[in-house]
C-alpha atoms as a PDB file:
ATOM      1  CA  MET A   1       0.103   0.056  -0.012  1.00  0.00           C
ATOM      2  CA  LYS A   2       1.289   3.479  -0.886  1.00  0.00           C
ATOM      3  CA  GLN A   3       1.977   6.138   1.679  1.00  0.00           C
ATOM      4  CA  LEU A   4      -0.057   9.202   1.668  1.00  0.00           C
ATOM      5  CA  THR A   5       1.230  12.781   2.018  1.00  0.00           C
ATOM      6  CA  LYS A   6      -0.261  14.894   4.904  1.00  0.00           C
ATOM      7  CA  ALA A   7      -2.675  16.740   2.441  1.00  0.00           C
ATOM      8  CA  GLU A   8      -3.982  13.279   1.104  1.00  0.00           C
ATOM      9  CA  GLU A   9      -4.254  11.984   4.630  1.00  0.00           C
ATOM     10  CA  ASP A  10      -6.358  15.045   5.556  1.00  0.00           C
ATOM     11  CA  ILE A  11      -8.626  14.274   2.585  1.00  0.00           C
ATOM     12  CA  MET A  12      -9.027  10.633   3.460  1.00  0.00           C
ATOM     13  CA  GLN A  13      -9.849  11.483   6.980  1.00  0.00           C
ATOM     14  CA  VAL A  14     -12.657  13.569   5.867  1.00  0.00           C
ATOM     15  CA  LEU A  15     -13.858  10.732   3.442  1.00  0.00           C
ATOM     16  CA  TRP A  16     -13.594   8.093   6.241  1.00  0.00           C
ATOM     17  CA  GLU A  17     -15.766  10.301   8.394  1.00  0.00           C
ATOM     18  CA  LEU A  18     -18.300  11.182   5.563  1.00  0.00           C
ATOM     19  CA  ASN A  19     -18.354   7.647   3.934  1.00  0.00           C
ATOM     20  CA  GLU A  20     -18.886   9.472   0.711  1.00  0.00           C
ATOM     21  CA  GLY A  21     -19.212  12.982  -0.632  1.00  0.00           C
ATOM     22  CA  ASN A  22     -18.320  15.400  -3.473  1.00  0.00           C
ATOM     23  CA  VAL A  23     -15.507  17.878  -3.510  1.00  0.00           C
ATOM     24  CA  ALA A  24     -17.717  20.537  -1.827  1.00  0.00           C
ATOM     25  CA  ALA A  25     -18.860  18.265   0.953  1.00  0.00           C
ATOM     26  CA  ILE A  26     -15.171  17.476   1.560  1.00  0.00           C
ATOM     27  CA  ILE A  27     -14.087  21.061   1.613  1.00  0.00           C
ATOM     28  CA  ALA A  28     -16.853  21.783   4.078  1.00  0.00           C
ATOM     29  CA  GLN A  29     -15.397  19.478   6.625  1.00  0.00           C
ATOM     30  CA  LEU A  30     -11.955  20.864   6.402  1.00  0.00           C
ATOM     31  CA  PRO A  31     -10.580  23.363   8.863  1.00  0.00           C
ATOM     32  CA  GLU A  32     -10.058  27.133   8.032  1.00  0.00           C
ATOM     33  CA  PRO A  33      -8.493  28.443   5.899  1.00  0.00           C
ATOM     34  CA  LYS A  34     -10.383  26.234   3.331  1.00  0.00           C
ATOM     35  CA  PRO A  35      -8.291  25.053   0.403  1.00  0.00           C
ATOM     36  CA  ALA A  36      -9.257  25.931  -3.087  1.00  0.00           C
ATOM     37  CA  TYR A  37     -11.767  23.734  -4.931  1.00  0.00           C
ATOM     38  CA  ASN A  38      -9.219  22.870  -7.574  1.00  0.00           C
ATOM     39  CA  THR A  39      -6.751  21.887  -4.856  1.00  0.00           C
ATOM     40  CA  VAL A  40      -9.070  19.385  -3.238  1.00  0.00           C
ATOM     41  CA  SER A  41     -10.192  18.048  -6.737  1.00  0.00           C
ATOM     42  CA  THR A  42      -6.681  17.386  -7.741  1.00  0.00           C
ATOM     43  CA  ILE A  43      -5.885  15.732  -4.498  1.00  0.00           C
ATOM     44  CA  VAL A  44      -8.905  13.503  -4.859  1.00  0.00           C
ATOM     45  CA  ARG A  45      -7.903  12.562  -8.296  1.00  0.00           C
ATOM     46  CA  ILE A  46      -4.334  11.616  -7.002  1.00  0.00           C
ATOM     47  CA  LEU A  47      -6.045   9.455  -4.300  1.00  0.00           C
ATOM     48  CA  GLU A  48      -8.136   7.886  -7.162  1.00  0.00           C
ATOM     49  CA  ASN A  49      -4.825   7.072  -8.978  1.00  0.00           C
ATOM     50  CA  LYS A  50      -3.405   5.500  -5.776  1.00  0.00           C
ATOM     51  CA  ALA A  51      -6.540   3.299  -5.594  1.00  0.00           C
ATOM     52  CA  PHE A  52      -7.525   4.763  -2.149  1.00  0.00           C
ATOM     53  CA  VAL A  53     -10.789   6.632  -3.643  1.00  0.00           C
ATOM     54  CA  GLY A  54     -13.418   5.390  -5.958  1.00  0.00           C
ATOM     55  CA  TYR A  55     -16.271   7.412  -7.345  1.00  0.00           C
ATOM     56  CA  ARG A  56     -19.642   7.179  -9.098  1.00  0.00           C
ATOM     57  CA  LYS A  57     -21.244   9.783 -11.407  1.00  0.00           C
ATOM     58  CA  GLU A  58     -23.980  11.621  -9.971  1.00  0.00           C
ATOM     59  CA  GLY A  59     -25.636  14.195 -12.276  1.00  0.00           C
ATOM     60  CA  ARG A  60     -22.740  16.317 -13.675  1.00  0.00           C
ATOM     61  CA  GLY A  61     -20.460  15.606 -10.695  1.00  0.00           C
ATOM     62  CA  HIS A  62     -18.797  12.787  -8.845  1.00  0.00           C
ATOM     63  CA  ILE A  63     -19.402  11.273  -5.511  1.00  0.00           C
ATOM     64  CA  TYR A  64     -16.329  10.018  -3.961  1.00  0.00           C
ATOM     65  CA  PHE A  65     -15.746   7.268  -1.420  1.00  0.00           C
ATOM     66  CA  PRO A  66     -12.916   5.355   0.270  1.00  0.00           C
ATOM     67  CA  LEU A  67     -11.763   2.070  -1.167  1.00  0.00           C
ATOM     68  CA  ILE A  68      -9.208   1.458   1.609  1.00  0.00           C
ATOM     69  CA  PRO A  69     -10.617   1.153   5.222  1.00  0.00           C
ATOM     70  CA  LYS A  70      -9.326   3.576   7.762  1.00  0.00           C
ATOM     71  CA  THR A  71      -8.173   0.675  10.028  1.00  0.00           C
ATOM     72  CA  GLU A  72      -6.282  -0.979   7.238  1.00  0.00           C
ATOM     73  CA  TYR A  73      -4.391   2.267   6.497  1.00  0.00           C
ATOM     74  CA  SER A  74      -3.841   2.812  10.189  1.00  0.00           C
ATOM     75  CA  ASN A  75      -2.439  -0.588  10.839  1.00  0.00           C
ATOM     76  CA  GLN A  76      -0.015  -0.215   7.813  1.00  0.00           C
ATOM     77  CA  SER A  77       0.998   3.212   9.012  1.00  0.00           C
ATOM     78  CA  LEU A  78       1.611   1.919  12.542  1.00  0.00           C
ATOM     79  CA  THR A  79       3.734  -0.932  11.361  1.00  0.00           C
ATOM     80  CA  LYS A  80       5.811   1.248   9.219  1.00  0.00           C
ATOM     81  CA  LEU A  81       6.323   3.524  12.171  1.00  0.00           C
ATOM     82  CA  VAL A  82       7.385   0.702  14.555  1.00  0.00           C
ATOM     83  CA  ASP A  83       9.578  -0.938  11.888  1.00  0.00           C
ATOM     84  CA  GLY A  84      11.216   2.375  10.866  1.00  0.00           C
ATOM     85  CA  TYR A  85      11.843   3.837  14.273  1.00  0.00           C
ATOM     86  CA  PHE A  86      11.673   1.063  16.850  1.00  0.00           C
ATOM     87  CA  GLN A  87      13.340  -1.913  15.096  1.00  0.00           C
ATOM     88  CA  GLY A  88       9.996  -3.577  15.019  1.00  0.00           C
ATOM     89  CA  SER A  89       9.506  -3.490  18.660  1.00  0.00           C
ATOM     90  CA  PHE A  90       6.114  -2.424  19.905  1.00  0.00           C
ATOM     91  CA  LYS A  91       7.638  -2.524  23.548  1.00  0.00           C
ATOM     92  CA  SER A  92      10.299   0.008  22.447  1.00  0.00           C
ATOM     93  CA  MET A  93       7.587   2.228  20.889  1.00  0.00           C
ATOM     94  CA  VAL A  94       5.258   2.156  24.046  1.00  0.00           C
ATOM     95  CA  SER A  95       8.188   2.697  26.259  1.00  0.00           C
ATOM     96  CA  PHE A  96       9.313   5.699  24.321  1.00  0.00           C
ATOM     97  CA  PHE A  97       5.815   7.385  24.437  1.00  0.00           C
ATOM     98  CA  VAL A  98       5.324   6.736  28.145  1.00  0.00           C
ATOM     99  CA  LYS A  99       8.700   8.233  28.824  1.00  0.00           C
ATOM    100  CA  LYS A 100       8.322  11.118  26.365  1.00  0.00           C
ATOM    101  CA  ASN A 101       4.873  12.060  27.637  1.00  0.00           C
ATOM    102  CA  ASP A 102       5.500  11.414  31.381  1.00  0.00           C
ATOM    103  CA  VAL A 103       2.614   8.935  31.615  1.00  0.00           C
ATOM    104  CA  SER A 104       1.665   8.521  35.300  1.00  0.00           C
ATOM    105  CA  ILE A 105       1.166   5.024  36.894  1.00  0.00           C
ATOM    106  CA  SER A 106      -2.736   5.684  37.030  1.00  0.00           C
ATOM    107  CA  GLU A 107      -2.821   6.495  33.556  1.00  0.00           C
ATOM    108  CA  MET A 108      -0.811   3.214  32.720  1.00  0.00           C
ATOM    109  CA  GLU A 109      -3.462   1.223  34.718  1.00  0.00           C
ATOM    110  CA  SER A 110      -6.087   2.859  32.914  1.00  0.00           C
ATOM    111  CA  ILE A 111      -4.521   2.035  29.512  1.00  0.00           C
ATOM    112  CA  LEU A 112      -3.877  -1.591  30.628  1.00  0.00           C
ATOM    113  CA  LYS A 113      -7.576  -1.856  31.868  1.00  0.00           C
ATOM    114  CA  GLU A 114      -8.748  -0.655  28.286  1.00  0.00           C
ATOM    115  CA  ILE A 115      -6.474  -3.012  26.699  1.00  0.00           C
ATOM    116  CA  ASN A 116      -7.613  -5.836  28.649  1.00  0.00           C
ATOM    117  CA  LYS A 117     -11.263  -4.934  28.288  1.00  0.00           C
ATOM    118  CA  ASP A 118     -10.744  -5.354  24.441  1.00  0.00           C
ATOM    119  CA  ALA A 119      -8.808  -8.629  24.671  1.00  0.00           C
END
């Protein structure tokens, strides 16, 4: 799976939230300052070429929808992060974030409870 640029990820985040929409609907969900219509349209076409987005004709326009589930992209991105910066060790990654963010024992206990609840 190809990596996305920050701008492409921003558009995908909106499409994952909307499930589908035209360029105007995508722009409406983006924060200020809003990008130009042509900019978003170009990014959507790039996402089509990367096989992240599909479309259907509706009237004179297109309705775009994600082809790649958010969870699939998230898992791939996380794996790349762990492999690239933590030598494939999730333990090293978690340890890094715990130390870097000064996570308290009570926060760690809360995290472990959440993990165990989902397991």
